Amino acid sequence: MKQKKAWRIVREAIKEGDIVIEVVDARDPIGTRNPKVERLVQEEGKKLLIVMNKADLVPKEWAEEYKKKHRDVPIVFISARERKGTRILRKEVKKLAKELFEEGKEKVKVVLVGYPNVGKSTIINVLKGKHAVGTAPIPGYTKGKQLIRLSKKIWLVDSPGVVPIDDFDELVIRGGFPADKIEEPVKPALKLISRILETRKEAITEKFGIKEFESEEEILRQIGEKRGLIKAGGEVDLEETARWLLREWQTGRFTLFASEEERNRDFAWDFEDVLEGVEKELLLDPRRIIWRFGDELMEKLDNQKRAGVREIEGITVGIATGFKKCDSAVKFLEELTGKSVIASECFGKKWKGVIAILE
């Protein structure tokens, strides 16, 4: 559907409703709340309700903090899939409808708008549920649409307004264009980093161990250093780093909120000097790496988990220490890189480490 036509449908939906529910992905509120939609709702004088769907995927404390920071509009956090928070949603809709009834409205229509894949249809089904008594027998009502009666005076328009994605960078961030095929990936990657910093900057530290930085580009550069995405001459390959970051975001391996497992993993990025030497001498055999850098590696053997990764000649070299079992270290590196180990060598006694080659 063309942008112009899509926006026309959204405007029609907003004009049609008395209460407009903007459905937002709770994991990415800045990216899925649309200022243009909210401005249109305000201009039309309609009631706006923000529904943050997929709330089961964000911490409760963060959700409460977000609501406190955005008191200018009513916000409800729900998980339509898990049927959590839906009672609160219905209660909020009734509250807004009551205000309209007090102003003289006899019937209130509720419409949903939002970007693709935020869960609009699921929420419509949740609202309909057993509370829906039937469709509206209204002659001449728009073909292809129907009204679902939620209560005696509250009706739901069973046809959501789909907000189009206007910006190419936004399309990339949402996974609408494969990261590997982007000719200029740095701009959308920097936009993504900026959004993360604004929404929840702790995600950068949790995922990459980056604590100090002065700009989005410096964060991207540090990510490239930690990933070993280095060009000839020793400079970070920003384009490849950007593609890697976007790919992690598109596939869900990187989100604003680390999983419980990731939070408990608690490891430190390390071994930059060793990996620098491995690349310089082109050592791609785990045993040769241990033989050459054994002293440096043994110094880091204790109960603190440490890891380092670098891409060399199309192959990934990974180092992990601080494990009681070698198999655990191998699995850790595979989870960290999203790649499979093709060769590895274990070292250490009480606390063990692993050198691995992955692809």
Protein backbone atom coordinates (compact mmCIF):
# COMPACT_ATOMS: atom_id res chain seq x y z
CA MET A 1 0.00 0.00 0.00
CA LYS A 2 1.33 3.44 -0.93
CA GLN A 3 2.22 5.86 1.87
CA LYS A 4 -0.38 8.46 0.84
CA LYS A 5 -3.21 5.93 0.80
CA ALA A 6 -2.07 4.38 4.08
CA TRP A 7 -2.06 7.74 5.84
CA ARG A 8 -5.53 8.49 4.44
CA ILE A 9 -6.82 5.31 6.07
CA VAL A 10 -5.19 6.27 9.38
CA ARG A 11 -6.78 9.74 9.24
CA GLU A 12 -10.17 8.20 8.45
CA ALA A 13 -9.83 5.83 11.40
CA ILE A 14 -8.99 8.70 13.76
CA LYS A 15 -11.93 10.79 12.51
CA GLU A 16 -14.25 7.82 12.88
CA GLY A 17 -13.41 7.07 16.49
CA ASP A 18 -14.21 8.92 19.68
CA ILE A 19 -11.46 7.11 21.58
CA VAL A 20 -8.25 6.33 19.66
CA ILE A 21 -6.05 3.56 21.02
CA GLU A 22 -2.48 3.79 19.77
CA VAL A 23 -0.92 0.35 20.10
CA VAL A 24 2.80 0.47 20.91
CA ASP A 25 5.44 -2.24 21.33
CA ALA A 26 6.53 -1.91 24.97
CA ARG A 27 10.06 -3.05 24.05
CA ASP A 28 10.53 -0.08 21.72
CA PRO A 29 8.22 2.80 22.74
CA ILE A 30 10.20 5.55 21.00
CA GLY A 31 10.24 3.60 17.76
CA THR A 32 6.58 2.56 17.81
CA ARG A 33 4.86 5.63 19.24
CA ASN A 34 4.09 7.97 16.36
CA PRO A 35 4.06 11.74 17.07
CA LYS A 36 2.17 12.40 13.81
CA VAL A 37 -0.66 10.08 14.86
CA GLU A 38 -0.84 11.63 18.32
CA ARG A 39 -0.90 15.13 16.80
CA LEU A 40 -3.75 14.13 14.46
CA VAL A 41 -5.73 12.75 17.40
CA GLN A 42 -5.22 16.00 19.29
CA GLU A 43 -6.22 18.13 16.27
CA GLU A 44 -9.42 16.10 15.85
CA GLY A 45 -10.22 16.57 19.52
CA LYS A 46 -10.40 12.82 20.19
CA LYS A 47 -9.46 10.95 23.36
CA LEU A 48 -6.07 9.18 23.14
CA LEU A 49 -5.07 6.04 25.02
CA ILE A 50 -1.60 4.53 24.66
CA VAL A 51 -1.59 0.73 24.97
CA MET A 52 1.89 -0.69 25.47
CA ASN A 53 1.55 -4.25 24.24
CA LYS A 54 4.01 -7.14 24.87
CA ALA A 55 4.57 -5.86 28.41
CA ASP A 56 5.47 -9.39 29.51
CA LEU A 57 8.80 -8.79 27.74
CA VAL A 58 9.82 -5.72 29.81
CA PRO A 59 10.52 -5.40 33.55
CA LYS A 60 7.58 -4.18 35.65
CA GLU A 61 9.72 -1.51 37.35
CA TRP A 62 10.68 -0.01 33.99
CA ALA A 63 7.03 0.06 32.89
CA GLU A 64 6.02 1.93 36.06
CA GLU A 65 8.85 4.42 35.58
CA TYR A 66 7.80 5.04 31.97
CA LYS A 67 4.23 5.81 33.06
CA LYS A 68 5.49 8.31 35.64
CA LYS A 69 7.56 10.13 33.01
CA HIS A 70 4.62 10.37 30.56
CA ARG A 71 1.69 11.55 32.64
CA ASP A 72 0.36 13.76 29.83
CA VAL A 73 -1.56 10.84 28.29
CA PRO A 74 -3.16 7.70 29.82
CA ILE A 75 -0.95 4.63 29.32
CA VAL A 76 -1.83 0.99 29.89
CA PHE A 77 0.72 -1.85 29.80
CA ILE A 78 -0.71 -5.18 28.66
CA SER A 79 0.26 -8.49 27.14
CA ALA A 80 -2.51 -9.32 24.70
CA ARG A 81 -0.95 -12.70 23.95
CA GLU A 82 -0.79 -13.65 27.65
CA ARG A 83 -4.16 -11.97 28.40
CA LYS A 84 -2.49 -9.84 31.09
CA GLY A 85 -3.64 -6.30 31.80
CA THR A 86 -6.71 -6.61 29.59
CA ARG A 87 -9.08 -5.91 32.50
CA ILE A 88 -7.20 -2.66 33.18
CA LEU A 89 -7.48 -1.80 29.47
CA ARG A 90 -11.28 -2.25 29.48
CA LYS A 91 -11.50 -0.21 32.69
CA GLU A 92 -9.52 2.66 31.11
CA VAL A 93 -11.70 2.59 27.97
CA LYS A 94 -14.85 2.80 30.13
CA LYS A 95 -13.33 5.68 32.10
CA LEU A 96 -12.64 7.69 28.91
CA ALA A 97 -16.07 6.80 27.54
CA LYS A 98 -17.75 8.02 30.75
CA GLU A 99 -16.15 11.45 30.22
CA LEU A 100 -17.67 11.55 26.71
CA PHE A 101 -21.10 10.44 27.96
CA GLU A 102 -21.00 13.27 30.50
CA GLU A 103 -20.36 15.65 27.57
CA GLY A 104 -23.54 14.44 25.88
CA LYS A 105 -22.31 11.56 23.67
CA GLU A 106 -24.89 8.78 23.28
CA LYS A 107 -22.60 6.21 21.68
CA VAL A 108 -18.78 5.96 21.79
CA LYS A 109 -16.69 4.31 19.08
CA VAL A 110 -13.20 2.98 19.81
CA VAL A 111 -10.58 2.60 17.05
CA LEU A 112 -7.06 1.17 17.10
CA VAL A 113 -4.07 2.54 15.19
CA GLY A 114 -0.40 1.60 15.15
CA TYR A 115 2.54 0.29 13.17
CA PRO A 116 2.56 -3.21 11.64
CA ASN A 117 3.25 -6.11 14.03
CA VAL A 118 2.60 -4.29 17.30
CA GLY A 119 -0.42 -6.47 18.06
CA LYS A 120 -3.45 -4.40 16.98
CA SER A 121 -5.49 -7.37 15.76
CA THR A 122 -4.75 -9.38 18.91
CA ILE A 123 -5.95 -6.52 21.08
CA ILE A 124 -9.11 -6.19 18.99
CA ASN A 125 -9.78 -9.89 19.58
CA VAL A 126 -9.07 -9.48 23.30
CA LEU A 127 -11.49 -6.56 23.56
CA LYS A 128 -14.14 -8.43 21.59
CA GLY A 129 -13.79 -11.64 23.59
CA LYS A 130 -16.81 -12.78 25.54
CA HIS A 131 -17.74 -9.15 26.18
CA ALA A 132 -18.73 -8.60 22.55
CA VAL A 133 -22.45 -9.11 22.05
CA GLY A 134 -22.52 -8.88 18.27
CA THR A 135 -21.93 -6.72 15.26
CA ALA A 136 -23.64 -3.44 14.56
CA PRO A 137 -26.70 -3.57 12.29
CA ILE A 138 -26.10 -0.07 10.96
CA PRO A 139 -27.35 0.50 7.39
CA GLY A 140 -24.82 2.13 5.10
CA TYR A 141 -21.88 1.50 7.43
CA THR A 142 -18.51 1.43 5.61
CA LYS A 143 -18.18 -1.72 3.50
CA GLY A 144 -15.59 -4.14 4.84
CA LYS A 145 -15.89 -2.78 8.36
CA GLN A 146 -18.12 -3.69 11.26
CA LEU A 147 -18.82 -2.41 14.74
CA ILE A 148 -18.49 -4.79 17.67
CA ARG A 149 -20.56 -3.96 20.74
CA LEU A 150 -18.37 -3.97 23.84
CA SER A 151 -21.14 -2.69 26.10
CA LYS A 152 -24.53 -0.99 25.75
CA LYS A 153 -23.01 2.29 24.56
CA ILE A 154 -19.40 1.43 23.64
CA TRP A 155 -18.57 0.04 20.21
CA LEU A 156 -15.30 -1.15 18.71
CA VAL A 157 -14.41 -0.51 15.05
CA ASP A 158 -13.13 -3.89 13.89
CA SER A 159 -10.65 -2.45 11.40
CA PRO A 160 -7.36 -0.98 12.65
CA GLY A 161 -5.50 1.90 11.03
CA VAL A 162 -2.04 0.69 10.01
CA VAL A 163 0.56 3.44 10.34
CA PRO A 164 2.98 3.35 7.37
CA ILE A 165 6.75 3.37 7.86
CA ASP A 166 7.82 6.58 6.12
CA ASP A 167 11.56 6.55 6.75
CA PHE A 168 14.05 4.06 5.21
CA ASP A 169 16.24 4.04 8.32
CA GLU A 170 13.14 3.20 10.35
CA LEU A 171 12.27 0.43 7.90
CA VAL A 172 15.75 -1.06 8.42
CA ILE A 173 15.52 -0.87 12.22
CA ARG A 174 12.14 -2.64 12.13
CA GLY A 175 13.57 -5.46 10.03
CA GLY A 176 11.76 -4.47 6.83
CA PHE A 177 15.04 -4.48 4.90
CA PRO A 178 17.80 -7.09 5.48
CA ALA A 179 20.85 -5.68 7.27
CA ASP A 180 23.26 -7.56 5.00
CA LYS A 181 21.89 -5.82 1.90
CA ILE A 182 22.14 -2.22 3.16
CA GLU A 183 24.66 -0.20 1.15
CA GLU A 184 24.97 2.54 3.78
CA PRO A 185 24.25 0.92 7.18
CA VAL A 186 25.98 3.42 9.49
CA LYS A 187 23.16 6.01 9.51
CA PRO A 188 20.38 3.61 10.62
CA ALA A 189 22.76 2.00 13.13
CA LEU A 190 23.53 5.38 14.72
CA LYS A 191 19.80 6.16 14.81
CA LEU A 192 19.20 2.84 16.57
CA ILE A 193 21.93 3.58 19.13
CA SER A 194 20.49 7.05 19.75
CA ARG A 195 17.07 5.53 20.39
CA ILE A 196 18.51 2.97 22.78
CA LEU A 197 20.35 5.69 24.73
CA GLU A 198 17.14 7.69 25.01
CA THR A 199 14.98 4.75 26.04
CA ARG A 200 17.29 2.60 28.16
CA LYS A 201 21.03 3.24 27.87
CA GLU A 202 21.82 0.38 30.28
CA ALA A 203 21.16 -1.99 27.38
CA ILE A 204 24.46 -0.87 25.79
CA THR A 205 26.41 -1.83 28.91
CA GLU A 206 24.54 -5.11 29.41
CA LYS A 207 25.09 -6.26 25.85
CA PHE A 208 28.55 -4.89 25.05
CA GLY A 209 30.18 -3.96 28.35
CA ILE A 210 30.53 -0.34 27.14
CA LYS A 211 30.32 2.09 30.07
CA GLU A 212 32.08 5.25 28.89
CA PHE A 213 31.43 7.03 25.58
CA GLU A 214 30.93 10.52 24.17
CA SER A 215 28.83 9.85 21.08
CA GLU A 216 26.80 7.26 19.18
CA GLU A 217 29.66 6.82 16.71
CA GLU A 218 32.09 6.08 19.56
CA ILE A 219 29.73 3.37 20.81
CA LEU A 220 29.63 1.87 17.30
CA ARG A 221 33.42 2.03 17.14
CA GLN A 222 33.78 0.29 20.52
CA ILE A 223 31.36 -2.43 19.43
CA GLY A 224 33.51 -2.99 16.33
CA GLU A 225 36.64 -3.24 18.47
CA LYS A 226 35.05 -5.80 20.78
CA ARG A 227 33.75 -7.79 17.81
CA GLY A 228 37.14 -7.66 16.09
CA LEU A 229 35.71 -6.02 12.97
CA ILE A 230 38.97 -4.34 12.01
CA LYS A 231 40.08 -3.21 8.54
CA ALA A 232 43.62 -3.44 7.20
CA GLY A 233 45.58 -0.73 8.94
CA GLY A 234 43.92 -1.32 12.31
CA GLU A 235 40.81 0.87 11.93
CA VAL A 236 37.36 -0.37 12.93
CA ASP A 237 35.19 -1.31 9.96
CA LEU A 238 32.21 0.88 10.87
CA GLU A 239 30.03 -0.36 8.00
CA GLU A 240 30.44 -4.03 8.91
CA THR A 241 29.95 -3.18 12.58
CA ALA A 242 26.75 -1.31 11.70
CA ARG A 243 25.46 -4.27 9.68
CA TRP A 244 26.26 -6.64 12.54
CA LEU A 245 24.46 -4.42 15.09
CA LEU A 246 21.39 -4.05 12.88
CA ARG A 247 21.33 -7.80 12.25
CA GLU A 248 21.43 -8.45 16.02
CA TRP A 249 18.51 -6.04 16.51
CA GLN A 250 16.46 -7.36 13.58
CA THR A 251 16.79 -10.98 14.72
CA GLY A 252 16.02 -10.19 18.37
CA ARG A 253 19.41 -11.28 19.68
CA PHE A 254 19.79 -7.74 21.01
CA THR A 255 16.86 -5.99 22.72
CA LEU A 256 16.45 -3.14 25.16
CA PHE A 257 16.04 -5.62 27.96
CA ALA A 258 18.45 -8.47 28.51
CA SER A 259 16.93 -11.84 29.37
CA GLU A 260 17.28 -13.12 32.92
CA GLU A 261 19.93 -15.52 31.65
CA GLU A 262 21.91 -12.69 30.07
CA ARG A 263 21.68 -10.53 33.21
CA ASN A 264 22.95 -13.40 35.33
CA ARG A 265 25.77 -14.16 32.91
CA ASP A 266 27.85 -11.22 34.21
CA PHE A 267 31.11 -11.35 32.29
CA ALA A 268 33.85 -8.88 31.42
CA TRP A 269 35.14 -8.19 27.92
CA ASP A 270 38.89 -8.86 27.82
CA PHE A 271 41.82 -10.29 25.82
CA GLU A 272 42.17 -7.38 23.37
CA ASP A 273 45.98 -7.62 23.56
CA VAL A 274 45.99 -11.38 22.99
CA LEU A 275 43.57 -11.13 20.06
CA GLU A 276 45.66 -8.30 18.59
CA GLY A 277 48.66 -10.65 18.62
CA VAL A 278 46.60 -13.56 17.23
CA GLU A 279 45.54 -11.40 14.29
CA LYS A 280 49.01 -9.98 13.73
CA GLU A 281 50.60 -13.45 13.62
CA LEU A 282 47.54 -15.00 11.92
CA LEU A 283 47.22 -17.82 14.44
CA LEU A 284 44.02 -19.71 13.68
CA ASP A 285 44.84 -22.94 15.53
CA PRO A 286 43.63 -23.02 19.19
CA ARG A 287 46.67 -25.04 20.34
CA ARG A 288 49.14 -22.64 18.73
CA ILE A 289 47.36 -19.70 20.38
CA ILE A 290 47.67 -21.33 23.82
CA TRP A 291 51.32 -22.16 23.15
CA ARG A 292 52.06 -18.57 22.10
CA PHE A 293 49.95 -16.68 24.69
CA GLY A 294 49.66 -19.25 27.48
CA ASP A 295 51.18 -17.03 30.19
CA GLU A 296 48.81 -14.13 29.50
CA LEU A 297 45.82 -16.48 29.41
CA MET A 298 46.71 -18.29 32.65
CA GLU A 299 46.91 -14.95 34.49
CA LYS A 300 43.21 -14.44 33.81
CA LEU A 301 42.06 -17.80 35.21
CA ASP A 302 39.82 -17.27 38.25
CA ASN A 303 36.11 -17.26 39.03
CA GLN A 304 35.48 -14.08 36.99
CA LYS A 305 34.05 -14.89 33.57
CA ARG A 306 35.93 -13.10 30.79
CA ALA A 307 35.53 -13.19 27.02
CA GLY A 308 37.04 -11.78 23.87
CA VAL A 309 36.03 -12.21 20.21
CA ARG A 310 37.63 -11.14 16.96
CA GLU A 311 36.91 -11.71 13.26
CA ILE A 312 40.12 -12.67 11.43
CA GLU A 313 40.24 -13.57 7.73
CA GLY A 314 36.53 -14.50 7.75
CA ILE A 315 36.95 -16.73 10.83
CA THR A 316 35.90 -15.85 14.40
CA VAL A 317 38.39 -16.44 17.20
CA GLY A 318 36.86 -16.57 20.67
CA ILE A 319 38.41 -16.74 24.14
CA ALA A 320 36.46 -17.46 27.33
CA THR A 321 37.78 -18.05 30.88
CA GLY A 322 36.36 -18.47 34.37
CA PHE A 323 34.37 -21.69 33.88
CA LYS A 324 34.34 -24.92 35.87
CA LYS A 325 33.74 -27.00 32.74
CA CYS A 326 35.16 -26.59 29.24
CA ASP A 327 31.81 -27.48 27.65
CA SER A 328 30.21 -24.53 29.47
CA ALA A 329 32.83 -22.16 28.05
CA VAL A 330 32.25 -23.48 24.52
CA LYS A 331 28.47 -23.09 24.84
CA PHE A 332 28.97 -19.57 26.23
CA LEU A 333 31.01 -18.51 23.19
CA GLU A 334 28.42 -19.96 20.81
CA GLU A 335 25.62 -18.04 22.57
CA LEU A 336 27.70 -14.87 22.65
CA THR A 337 28.55 -14.91 18.94
CA GLY A 338 25.55 -16.75 17.48
CA LYS A 339 28.03 -19.02 15.66
CA SER A 340 29.11 -22.67 15.88
CA VAL A 341 32.46 -23.85 17.24
CA ILE A 342 34.44 -25.87 14.68
CA ALA A 343 37.63 -26.29 16.75
CA SER A 344 38.49 -25.62 20.40
CA GLU A 345 41.15 -26.24 23.02
CA CYS A 346 40.65 -26.22 26.79
CA PHE A 347 43.24 -25.03 29.34
CA GLY A 348 43.46 -24.55 33.12
CA LYS A 349 42.87 -26.62 36.27
CA LYS A 350 40.24 -25.57 38.86
CA TRP A 351 39.05 -22.69 36.65
CA LYS A 352 39.11 -23.40 32.97
CA GLY A 353 39.27 -21.46 29.74
CA VAL A 354 38.70 -22.20 26.07
CA ILE A 355 40.17 -20.98 22.79
CA ALA A 356 37.67 -21.57 20.00
CA ILE A 357 37.39 -21.11 16.26
CA LEU A 358 33.82 -20.37 15.17
CA GLU A 359 31.98 -19.90 11.89
